[in-house]
Amino acid sequence: QVQLVESGGGLVQTGGSLRLACAASGSAGTFRLNGMAWYRQPPGKQREFVAAISSVGSTNYADSVKGRFTISRNDAKNTLYLQMNSLKPEDTAVYYCNLQPLYWGQGTQVTVSS
């Protein structure tokens, strides 16, 4: 059984930066062999895709975050990251880590003030 724990959320002003982390425990092999992703759920809206990274490091991003967010992974530490720069109020959401296809973290709140 895999557990995912996100950290790094918080309150930041427009234009600021945050770095989210997602630590995986329970099955190191599962982490290394699977793609991972970040999703977010803005207030009152459905969960949406943010970024993904494959087991070999290929990445893709939602258009709304391209050029501002960077997803990365450290397989030695079983940890997924999301570097978020130039944050906007519309980035305010609960951010979730996903170990594809089935595992989800509990979420971390990111609030960007205008």
N, C-alpha and C. Protein backbone atom coordinates (compact mmCIF):
# COMPACT_ATOMS: atom_id res chain seq x y z
N GLN A 1 0.84 -1.18 0.00
CA GLN A 1 0.00 0.00 0.00
C GLN A 1 0.89 1.24 0.00
N VAL A 2 0.56 2.17 -0.87
CA VAL A 2 1.33 3.41 -1.00
C VAL A 2 0.61 4.55 -0.28
N GLN A 3 1.36 5.35 0.43
CA GLN A 3 0.82 6.56 1.04
C GLN A 3 1.55 7.77 0.48
N LEU A 4 0.80 8.82 0.20
CA LEU A 4 1.35 10.05 -0.34
C LEU A 4 1.02 11.20 0.61
N VAL A 5 2.02 11.98 0.96
CA VAL A 5 1.82 13.09 1.88
C VAL A 5 2.39 14.36 1.23
N GLU A 6 1.51 15.33 0.97
CA GLU A 6 1.93 16.60 0.40
C GLU A 6 2.34 17.58 1.49
N SER A 7 3.23 18.49 1.13
CA SER A 7 3.62 19.56 2.03
C SER A 7 4.05 20.76 1.19
N GLY A 8 4.19 21.91 1.86
CA GLY A 8 4.71 23.09 1.18
C GLY A 8 3.67 24.13 0.81
N GLY A 9 2.41 23.83 1.02
CA GLY A 9 1.39 24.82 0.71
C GLY A 9 1.41 25.97 1.70
N GLY A 10 0.63 27.00 1.40
CA GLY A 10 0.57 28.15 2.30
C GLY A 10 -0.03 29.35 1.63
N LEU A 11 0.15 30.49 2.26
CA LEU A 11 -0.37 31.76 1.77
C LEU A 11 0.80 32.56 1.17
N VAL A 12 0.60 33.06 -0.04
CA VAL A 12 1.65 33.82 -0.72
C VAL A 12 1.00 34.95 -1.50
N GLN A 13 1.74 36.03 -1.70
CA GLN A 13 1.22 37.15 -2.48
C GLN A 13 1.37 36.89 -3.97
N THR A 14 0.58 37.60 -4.75
CA THR A 14 0.69 37.52 -6.21
C THR A 14 2.13 37.78 -6.64
N GLY A 15 2.61 36.91 -7.53
CA GLY A 15 3.99 37.02 -8.00
C GLY A 15 4.99 36.21 -7.20
N GLY A 16 4.55 35.66 -6.09
CA GLY A 16 5.43 34.89 -5.23
C GLY A 16 5.62 33.46 -5.71
N SER A 17 6.37 32.71 -4.92
CA SER A 17 6.70 31.33 -5.27
C SER A 17 6.44 30.40 -4.09
N LEU A 18 6.14 29.16 -4.43
CA LEU A 18 6.04 28.09 -3.45
C LEU A 18 6.58 26.82 -4.08
N ARG A 19 7.08 25.92 -3.24
CA ARG A 19 7.51 24.61 -3.71
C ARG A 19 6.76 23.55 -2.94
N LEU A 20 5.95 22.79 -3.66
CA LEU A 20 5.23 21.68 -3.06
C LEU A 20 6.06 20.41 -3.15
N ALA A 21 5.90 19.56 -2.16
CA ALA A 21 6.54 18.26 -2.16
C ALA A 21 5.52 17.18 -1.85
N CYS A 22 5.74 16.01 -2.39
CA CYS A 22 4.86 14.86 -2.15
C CYS A 22 5.76 13.67 -1.85
N ALA A 23 5.73 13.22 -0.60
CA ALA A 23 6.56 12.11 -0.18
C ALA A 23 5.75 10.81 -0.23
N ALA A 24 6.31 9.82 -0.90
CA ALA A 24 5.64 8.53 -1.03
C ALA A 24 6.29 7.51 -0.11
N SER A 25 5.47 6.71 0.52
CA SER A 25 5.98 5.64 1.38
C SER A 25 5.19 4.38 1.12
N GLY A 26 5.79 3.26 1.43
CA GLY A 26 5.09 1.99 1.35
C GLY A 26 5.55 1.09 0.24
N SER A 27 5.98 1.67 -0.90
CA SER A 27 6.40 0.84 -2.01
C SER A 27 7.30 1.64 -2.94
N ALA A 28 8.59 1.57 -2.68
CA ALA A 28 9.53 2.36 -3.46
C ALA A 28 9.50 1.97 -4.93
N GLY A 29 9.33 0.67 -5.20
CA GLY A 29 9.30 0.22 -6.58
C GLY A 29 8.14 0.82 -7.35
N THR A 30 7.00 0.91 -6.71
CA THR A 30 5.83 1.51 -7.35
C THR A 30 6.10 2.95 -7.72
N PHE A 31 6.75 3.68 -6.84
CA PHE A 31 7.05 5.08 -7.12
C PHE A 31 7.93 5.20 -8.35
N ARG A 32 9.01 4.45 -8.40
CA ARG A 32 9.98 4.61 -9.49
C ARG A 32 9.41 4.21 -10.83
N LEU A 33 8.51 3.27 -10.86
CA LEU A 33 8.05 2.69 -12.12
C LEU A 33 6.80 3.36 -12.69
N ASN A 34 6.26 4.31 -11.98
CA ASN A 34 5.01 4.92 -12.41
C ASN A 34 5.14 6.42 -12.61
N GLY A 35 4.28 6.92 -13.49
CA GLY A 35 4.19 8.35 -13.64
C GLY A 35 3.51 8.97 -12.43
N MET A 36 3.75 10.24 -12.27
CA MET A 36 3.14 10.98 -11.18
C MET A 36 2.62 12.31 -11.70
N ALA A 37 1.70 12.89 -10.95
CA ALA A 37 1.08 14.12 -11.42
C ALA A 37 0.63 14.98 -10.24
N TRP A 38 0.41 16.23 -10.55
CA TRP A 38 -0.23 17.17 -9.62
C TRP A 38 -1.56 17.59 -10.23
N TYR A 39 -2.56 17.61 -9.39
CA TYR A 39 -3.87 18.14 -9.73
C TYR A 39 -4.20 19.21 -8.70
N ARG A 40 -5.21 20.02 -9.03
CA ARG A 40 -5.66 21.01 -8.06
C ARG A 40 -7.17 21.17 -8.14
N GLN A 41 -7.74 21.61 -7.05
CA GLN A 41 -9.18 21.86 -7.01
C GLN A 41 -9.42 23.25 -6.46
N PRO A 42 -9.74 24.20 -7.34
CA PRO A 42 -10.04 25.56 -6.88
C PRO A 42 -11.35 25.57 -6.10
N PRO A 43 -11.58 26.59 -5.30
CA PRO A 43 -12.82 26.67 -4.51
C PRO A 43 -14.05 26.62 -5.41
N GLY A 44 -14.96 25.71 -5.12
CA GLY A 44 -16.21 25.61 -5.86
C GLY A 44 -16.10 25.02 -7.24
N LYS A 45 -14.93 24.48 -7.60
CA LYS A 45 -14.74 23.92 -8.93
C LYS A 45 -14.29 22.47 -8.85
N GLN A 46 -14.26 21.83 -10.02
CA GLN A 46 -13.82 20.45 -10.08
C GLN A 46 -12.30 20.36 -10.07
N ARG A 47 -11.81 19.20 -9.69
CA ARG A 47 -10.38 18.95 -9.72
C ARG A 47 -9.88 19.02 -11.16
N GLU A 48 -8.70 19.63 -11.34
CA GLU A 48 -8.15 19.79 -12.68
C GLU A 48 -6.68 19.40 -12.71
N PHE A 49 -6.24 19.00 -13.88
CA PHE A 49 -4.85 18.59 -14.10
C PHE A 49 -3.94 19.81 -14.06
N VAL A 50 -2.77 19.63 -13.45
CA VAL A 50 -1.77 20.71 -13.41
C VAL A 50 -0.52 20.31 -14.19
N ALA A 51 0.08 19.18 -13.81
CA ALA A 51 1.34 18.76 -14.45
C ALA A 51 1.56 17.29 -14.19
N ALA A 52 2.33 16.65 -15.06
CA ALA A 52 2.64 15.24 -14.92
C ALA A 52 4.07 14.98 -15.32
N ILE A 53 4.63 13.92 -14.75
CA ILE A 53 5.97 13.50 -15.11
C ILE A 53 6.00 11.98 -15.18
N SER A 54 6.59 11.46 -16.25
CA SER A 54 6.64 10.01 -16.44
C SER A 54 7.76 9.40 -15.62
N SER A 55 7.84 8.10 -15.66
CA SER A 55 8.90 7.38 -14.92
C SER A 55 10.28 7.69 -15.48
N VAL A 56 10.33 8.16 -16.73
CA VAL A 56 11.62 8.48 -17.34
C VAL A 56 11.85 9.99 -17.43
N GLY A 57 10.96 10.76 -16.82
CA GLY A 57 11.19 12.20 -16.71
C GLY A 57 10.53 13.07 -17.74
N SER A 58 9.73 12.51 -18.62
CA SER A 58 8.99 13.34 -19.57
C SER A 58 7.90 14.11 -18.83
N THR A 59 7.73 15.36 -19.21
CA THR A 59 6.77 16.20 -18.49
C THR A 59 5.73 16.80 -19.43
N ASN A 60 4.58 17.12 -18.87
CA ASN A 60 3.60 17.93 -19.59
C ASN A 60 2.82 18.75 -18.57
N TYR A 61 2.28 19.86 -19.05
CA TYR A 61 1.67 20.86 -18.18
C TYR A 61 0.35 21.34 -18.74
N ALA A 62 -0.52 21.74 -17.86
CA ALA A 62 -1.71 22.46 -18.28
C ALA A 62 -1.29 23.81 -18.85
N ASP A 63 -2.02 24.27 -19.84
CA ASP A 63 -1.67 25.54 -20.49
C ASP A 63 -1.60 26.69 -19.48
N SER A 64 -2.45 26.62 -18.47
CA SER A 64 -2.55 27.73 -17.51
C SER A 64 -1.30 27.88 -16.63
N VAL A 65 -0.45 26.84 -16.58
CA VAL A 65 0.73 26.91 -15.71
C VAL A 65 2.04 26.82 -16.48
N LYS A 66 1.97 26.60 -17.78
CA LYS A 66 3.19 26.48 -18.58
C LYS A 66 4.06 27.72 -18.44
N GLY A 67 5.35 27.48 -18.24
CA GLY A 67 6.28 28.59 -18.09
C GLY A 67 6.37 29.13 -16.68
N ARG A 68 5.47 28.72 -15.80
CA ARG A 68 5.48 29.21 -14.41
C ARG A 68 5.75 28.09 -13.42
N PHE A 69 5.24 26.89 -13.71
CA PHE A 69 5.38 25.75 -12.80
C PHE A 69 6.36 24.74 -13.40
N THR A 70 7.07 24.04 -12.51
CA THR A 70 7.98 22.99 -12.93
C THR A 70 7.78 21.76 -12.05
N ILE A 71 7.50 20.63 -12.69
CA ILE A 71 7.35 19.38 -11.96
C ILE A 71 8.66 18.61 -12.05
N SER A 72 9.03 17.96 -10.95
CA SER A 72 10.24 17.15 -10.94
C SER A 72 10.07 16.03 -9.94
N ARG A 73 10.98 15.07 -10.01
CA ARG A 73 10.90 13.94 -9.09
C ARG A 73 12.30 13.52 -8.67
N ASN A 74 12.41 13.01 -7.45
CA ASN A 74 13.65 12.46 -6.94
C ASN A 74 13.34 11.03 -6.52
N ASP A 75 13.67 10.08 -7.37
CA ASP A 75 13.32 8.70 -7.09
C ASP A 75 14.11 8.14 -5.91
N ALA A 76 15.29 8.66 -5.66
CA ALA A 76 16.07 8.20 -4.51
C ALA A 76 15.37 8.56 -3.19
N LYS A 77 14.61 9.65 -3.23
CA LYS A 77 13.88 10.10 -2.04
C LYS A 77 12.40 9.80 -2.11
N ASN A 78 11.96 9.14 -3.19
CA ASN A 78 10.53 8.85 -3.37
C ASN A 78 9.70 10.11 -3.20
N THR A 79 10.14 11.18 -3.82
CA THR A 79 9.48 12.47 -3.63
C THR A 79 9.23 13.15 -4.96
N LEU A 80 8.05 13.72 -5.06
CA LEU A 80 7.62 14.50 -6.22
C LEU A 80 7.57 15.96 -5.81
N TYR A 81 7.93 16.83 -6.72
CA TYR A 81 7.94 18.27 -6.42
C TYR A 81 7.14 19.06 -7.43
N LEU A 82 6.70 20.23 -7.02
CA LEU A 82 6.10 21.20 -7.93
C LEU A 82 6.60 22.57 -7.52
N GLN A 83 7.48 23.13 -8.34
CA GLN A 83 7.95 24.49 -8.14
C GLN A 83 6.99 25.44 -8.82
N MET A 84 6.42 26.35 -8.06
CA MET A 84 5.41 27.27 -8.59
C MET A 84 5.93 28.69 -8.46
N ASN A 85 6.12 29.34 -9.58
CA ASN A 85 6.60 30.72 -9.63
C ASN A 85 5.54 31.62 -10.24
N SER A 86 5.72 32.92 -10.04
CA SER A 86 4.80 33.91 -10.61
C SER A 86 3.34 33.55 -10.32
N LEU A 87 3.08 33.25 -9.08
CA LEU A 87 1.75 32.79 -8.70
C LEU A 87 0.71 33.87 -8.87
N LYS A 88 -0.49 33.43 -9.23
CA LYS A 88 -1.63 34.32 -9.47
C LYS A 88 -2.77 33.92 -8.54
N PRO A 89 -3.69 34.84 -8.27
CA PRO A 89 -4.84 34.48 -7.44
C PRO A 89 -5.61 33.27 -7.96
N GLU A 90 -5.66 33.10 -9.28
CA GLU A 90 -6.38 31.97 -9.85
C GLU A 90 -5.67 30.64 -9.63
N ASP A 91 -4.47 30.66 -9.09
CA ASP A 91 -3.79 29.42 -8.71
C ASP A 91 -4.24 28.92 -7.34
N THR A 92 -5.04 29.71 -6.65
CA THR A 92 -5.54 29.30 -5.34
C THR A 92 -6.36 28.02 -5.47
N ALA A 93 -5.97 27.01 -4.70
CA ALA A 93 -6.62 25.70 -4.79
C ALA A 93 -6.02 24.76 -3.75
N VAL A 94 -6.67 23.64 -3.59
CA VAL A 94 -6.05 22.52 -2.89
C VAL A 94 -5.30 21.70 -3.93
N TYR A 95 -4.03 21.47 -3.69
CA TYR A 95 -3.18 20.74 -4.63
C TYR A 95 -3.00 19.30 -4.16
N TYR A 96 -3.22 18.39 -5.10
CA TYR A 96 -3.15 16.97 -4.81
C TYR A 96 -2.05 16.29 -5.62
N CYS A 97 -1.38 15.38 -4.98
CA CYS A 97 -0.37 14.54 -5.61
C CYS A 97 -1.04 13.24 -6.05
N ASN A 98 -0.66 12.76 -7.23
CA ASN A 98 -1.21 11.52 -7.76
C ASN A 98 -0.09 10.60 -8.22
N LEU A 99 -0.08 9.39 -7.69
CA LEU A 99 0.81 8.35 -8.21
C LEU A 99 -0.07 7.50 -9.11
N GLN A 100 0.19 7.59 -10.39
CA GLN A 100 -0.72 7.01 -11.37
C GLN A 100 -0.79 5.50 -11.25
N PRO A 101 -1.96 4.93 -11.45
CA PRO A 101 -3.23 5.65 -11.65
C PRO A 101 -4.08 5.82 -10.40
N LEU A 102 -3.73 5.15 -9.31
CA LEU A 102 -4.72 4.95 -8.26
C LEU A 102 -4.52 5.72 -6.97
N TYR A 103 -3.31 6.20 -6.72
CA TYR A 103 -3.02 6.72 -5.38
C TYR A 103 -3.06 8.25 -5.35
N TRP A 104 -3.66 8.77 -4.28
CA TRP A 104 -3.79 10.21 -4.10
C TRP A 104 -3.35 10.62 -2.70
N GLY A 105 -2.79 11.81 -2.61
CA GLY A 105 -2.51 12.39 -1.32
C GLY A 105 -3.74 13.08 -0.76
N GLN A 106 -3.57 13.66 0.44
CA GLN A 106 -4.70 14.29 1.11
C GLN A 106 -4.88 15.75 0.69
N GLY A 107 -3.89 16.30 0.03
CA GLY A 107 -3.98 17.67 -0.47
C GLY A 107 -3.30 18.68 0.43
N THR A 108 -2.85 19.76 -0.18
CA THR A 108 -2.26 20.88 0.55
C THR A 108 -2.82 22.18 -0.03
N GLN A 109 -3.18 23.10 0.84
CA GLN A 109 -3.84 24.33 0.42
C GLN A 109 -2.81 25.35 -0.03
N VAL A 110 -3.06 25.92 -1.20
CA VAL A 110 -2.27 27.05 -1.70
C VAL A 110 -3.22 28.23 -1.88
N THR A 111 -2.90 29.33 -1.24
CA THR A 111 -3.71 30.54 -1.36
C THR A 111 -2.83 31.69 -1.83
N VAL A 112 -3.23 32.31 -2.93
CA VAL A 112 -2.49 33.43 -3.49
C VAL A 112 -3.33 34.69 -3.33
N SER A 113 -2.82 35.63 -2.58
CA SER A 113 -3.56 36.86 -2.31
C SER A 113 -3.23 37.92 -3.37
N SER A 114 -4.23 38.72 -3.67
CA SER A 114 -4.03 39.77 -4.69
C SER A 114 -3.56 41.07 -4.08
